[in-house]
N, C-alpha and C. Protein backbone atom coordinates (compact mmCIF):
# COMPACT_ATOMS: atom_id res chain seq x y z
N MET A 1 25.19 32.73 24.00
CA MET A 1 25.15 33.92 25.08
C MET A 1 27.09 34.20 25.42
N ILE A 2 27.79 32.97 25.73
CA ILE A 2 28.69 33.04 25.77
C ILE A 2 29.84 32.77 24.56
N LEU A 3 28.92 32.39 23.05
CA LEU A 3 29.67 32.78 21.72
C LEU A 3 29.28 33.83 21.49
N ASP A 4 28.61 34.71 21.69
CA ASP A 4 28.07 36.30 21.74
C ASP A 4 29.57 36.91 22.29
N ALA A 5 29.42 36.69 23.72
CA ALA A 5 30.88 37.39 24.38
C ALA A 5 32.40 37.40 23.57
N VAL A 6 32.26 35.90 23.19
CA VAL A 6 33.53 35.63 23.11
C VAL A 6 33.75 36.57 21.28
N LYS A 7 32.86 36.57 20.58
CA LYS A 7 32.28 37.03 19.07
C LYS A 7 32.84 38.91 19.07
N ILE A 8 31.82 39.01 20.44
CA ILE A 8 32.99 40.45 21.13
C ILE A 8 33.37 41.00 21.02
N ALA A 9 34.26 40.28 21.92
CA ALA A 9 35.88 40.33 22.73
C ALA A 9 36.85 40.31 21.36
N LEU A 10 36.46 38.79 20.44
CA LEU A 10 37.15 39.19 19.03
C LEU A 10 36.80 40.47 18.24
N CYS A 11 35.82 41.02 18.04
CA CYS A 11 35.70 41.88 17.10
C CYS A 11 36.51 43.24 17.89
N VAL A 12 35.87 43.64 19.17
CA VAL A 12 37.39 44.75 20.32
C VAL A 12 38.32 44.79 20.10
N PHE A 13 39.11 43.19 19.93
CA PHE A 13 40.38 42.88 19.77
C PHE A 13 40.62 43.30 18.55
N VAL A 14 40.23 42.54 17.82
CA VAL A 14 40.13 43.21 16.00
C VAL A 14 40.78 44.63 15.35
N LEU A 15 39.76 44.81 15.97
CA LEU A 15 39.26 46.71 15.40
C LEU A 15 40.14 47.34 16.58
N ALA A 16 40.44 47.42 17.81
CA ALA A 16 41.58 47.83 18.52
C ALA A 16 42.92 47.80 17.48
N ILE A 17 43.25 46.53 17.05
CA ILE A 17 44.21 46.64 16.48
C ILE A 17 44.56 47.44 15.01
N LEU A 18 42.97 47.21 14.37
CA LEU A 18 43.21 47.83 13.37
C LEU A 18 43.35 49.82 13.58
N GLU A 19 42.77 49.91 14.27
CA GLU A 19 42.92 51.93 14.96
C GLU A 19 43.80 51.92 15.11
N VAL A 20 44.41 51.02 16.12
CA VAL A 20 46.09 51.82 16.14
C VAL A 20 46.97 51.96 14.73
N ALA A 21 47.15 50.46 14.09
CA ALA A 21 47.63 50.22 13.47
C ALA A 21 47.62 50.65 11.68
N ALA A 22 46.03 50.82 11.30
CA ALA A 22 46.51 50.95 10.01
C ALA A 22 45.39 51.75 9.26
N THR A 23 44.36 53.03 10.48
CA THR A 23 43.72 53.91 9.97
C THR A 23 44.00 55.69 10.14
N PRO A 24 45.64 55.97 10.67
CA PRO A 24 46.22 56.64 10.45
C PRO A 24 47.04 57.02 9.42
N GLN A 25 46.62 55.82 8.55
CA GLN A 25 47.19 55.91 7.48
C GLN A 25 46.78 56.08 6.45
N LEU A 26 45.46 56.99 6.74
CA LEU A 26 44.46 56.92 5.69
C LEU A 26 44.16 58.05 5.41
N THR A 27 44.35 59.52 6.34
CA THR A 27 44.39 60.57 5.81
C THR A 27 45.93 61.17 6.06
N PRO A 28 46.43 62.14 5.18
CA PRO A 28 47.46 63.08 5.28
C PRO A 28 47.51 63.36 6.82
N PHE A 29 47.07 63.48 7.80
CA PHE A 29 47.27 64.35 9.11
C PHE A 29 47.66 63.28 9.86
N GLY A 30 47.37 62.18 10.28
CA GLY A 30 47.79 61.05 10.76
C GLY A 30 46.46 60.72 12.10
N GLY A 31 45.36 61.48 11.84
CA GLY A 31 44.37 60.72 12.28
C GLY A 31 43.17 59.83 11.93
N GLY A 32 42.45 59.29 11.80
CA GLY A 32 41.22 57.77 11.80
C GLY A 32 40.44 58.32 12.32
N PRO A 33 39.65 57.30 11.55
CA PRO A 33 37.91 56.64 12.71
C PRO A 33 38.15 55.88 13.49
N ASP A 34 37.27 56.32 14.33
CA ASP A 34 37.15 55.50 15.50
C ASP A 34 36.04 54.24 15.66
N LEU A 35 37.31 53.13 15.40
CA LEU A 35 36.27 52.24 15.17
C LEU A 35 35.33 51.32 16.47
N ILE A 36 36.17 51.52 17.60
CA ILE A 36 36.08 51.33 18.70
C ILE A 36 34.21 51.50 18.80
N VAL A 37 33.86 53.20 18.52
CA VAL A 37 32.85 54.09 18.97
C VAL A 37 32.06 53.28 17.75
N ILE A 38 32.21 52.89 16.77
CA ILE A 38 30.88 52.51 15.80
C ILE A 38 30.89 50.99 16.19
N LEU A 39 31.45 49.99 16.63
CA LEU A 39 31.39 48.44 17.19
C LEU A 39 30.50 49.27 18.70
N VAL A 40 30.60 49.94 19.23
CA VAL A 40 29.78 50.27 20.36
C VAL A 40 28.40 50.69 20.22
N VAL A 41 28.11 51.26 18.97
CA VAL A 41 26.88 52.15 18.37
C VAL A 41 26.51 50.76 18.02
N ALA A 42 26.42 50.11 17.47
CA ALA A 42 26.20 49.03 16.48
C ALA A 42 25.60 47.98 17.91
N LEU A 43 26.47 48.09 19.20
CA LEU A 43 26.35 46.68 19.91
C LEU A 43 24.38 47.47 20.90
N ALA A 44 24.64 48.51 20.95
CA ALA A 44 23.92 48.97 22.01
C ALA A 44 22.70 49.49 20.98
N LEU A 45 22.56 48.98 19.74
CA LEU A 45 21.36 48.87 19.09
C LEU A 45 21.00 47.23 18.97
N TRP A 46 21.84 46.66 18.99
CA TRP A 46 21.77 44.81 18.47
C TRP A 46 21.67 44.12 19.72
N ARG A 47 22.33 44.77 19.92
CA ARG A 47 22.66 43.36 21.77
C ARG A 47 22.35 43.82 22.89
N GLY A 48 21.87 45.52 23.78
CA GLY A 48 21.53 46.16 24.25
C GLY A 48 22.58 47.08 25.20
N VAL A 49 22.50 47.71 25.93
CA VAL A 49 23.30 48.86 26.33
C VAL A 49 24.41 48.02 27.28
N GLU A 50 23.53 47.29 27.82
CA GLU A 50 24.88 46.03 28.79
C GLU A 50 26.19 45.89 28.03
N ALA A 51 25.88 45.11 26.81
CA ALA A 51 26.81 44.68 25.99
C ALA A 51 27.43 45.58 25.48
N ALA A 52 26.83 47.12 25.02
CA ALA A 52 27.95 47.88 24.46
C ALA A 52 28.92 48.64 25.53
N ALA A 53 28.24 48.62 26.82
CA ALA A 53 29.15 49.40 27.70
C ALA A 53 30.63 48.63 28.39
N VAL A 54 29.86 47.46 28.35
CA VAL A 54 31.06 46.29 28.52
C VAL A 54 32.42 46.51 26.87
N ALA A 55 31.88 46.43 25.75
CA ALA A 55 32.57 46.14 25.12
C ALA A 55 33.23 48.06 24.90
N GLY A 56 32.72 48.89 25.09
CA GLY A 56 33.54 50.27 25.27
C GLY A 56 34.24 50.67 26.31
N PHE A 57 34.29 49.83 27.40
CA PHE A 57 35.18 49.83 28.38
C PHE A 57 36.55 48.68 27.99
N ALA A 58 36.05 47.68 27.35
CA ALA A 58 37.09 46.71 27.02
C ALA A 58 38.10 47.79 25.78
N GLY A 59 37.35 48.29 25.18
CA GLY A 59 38.10 48.39 23.73
C GLY A 59 39.12 49.85 24.27
N GLY A 60 38.23 50.55 25.04
CA GLY A 60 39.40 51.68 25.58
C GLY A 60 40.34 51.60 26.38
N LEU A 61 40.49 50.67 27.26
CA LEU A 61 41.28 49.95 28.14
C LEU A 61 42.28 48.85 27.34
N LEU A 62 41.65 48.84 26.25
CA LEU A 62 43.11 48.14 25.20
C LEU A 62 43.58 49.04 24.56
N LEU A 63 42.69 50.44 23.77
CA LEU A 63 43.38 51.45 23.49
C LEU A 63 44.50 51.83 24.00
N ASP A 64 44.06 51.94 25.51
CA ASP A 64 44.92 52.94 26.13
C ASP A 64 46.27 52.32 26.45
N ALA A 65 46.48 50.32 26.79
CA ALA A 65 47.21 49.50 26.76
C ALA A 65 48.26 49.44 24.89
N ILE A 66 47.77 49.41 24.52
CA ILE A 66 48.48 49.57 22.81
C ILE A 66 49.10 50.65 22.35
N THR A 67 48.70 51.74 23.07
CA THR A 67 49.50 52.94 22.75
C THR A 67 50.38 53.39 23.89
N TYR A 68 49.92 53.17 25.45
CA TYR A 68 50.94 53.26 26.22
C TYR A 68 50.50 54.37 26.96
N GLU A 69 49.25 54.88 27.01
CA GLU A 69 49.03 56.18 27.42
C GLU A 69 48.39 55.80 28.65
N HIS A 70 48.07 57.08 29.22
CA HIS A 70 47.50 56.91 30.70
C HIS A 70 45.96 56.81 30.51
N LEU A 71 45.61 55.83 31.77
CA LEU A 71 43.75 55.62 32.02
C LEU A 71 43.65 56.77 32.68
């Protein structure tokens, strides 16, 4: 169970960095796919709603911290 939490935290961190750094360059208008939402949906299907909710909260908080936005 602890190993799953470490894997999920690593996925959230990597996808948040990728979402901010790489995905805006994929389209000409600066937008990109929301990778954290894809991870949250996959976690909800495979690991349960609780793991998905925690990962979604942590991912949203991390995205706000990376982009210097208000909560």
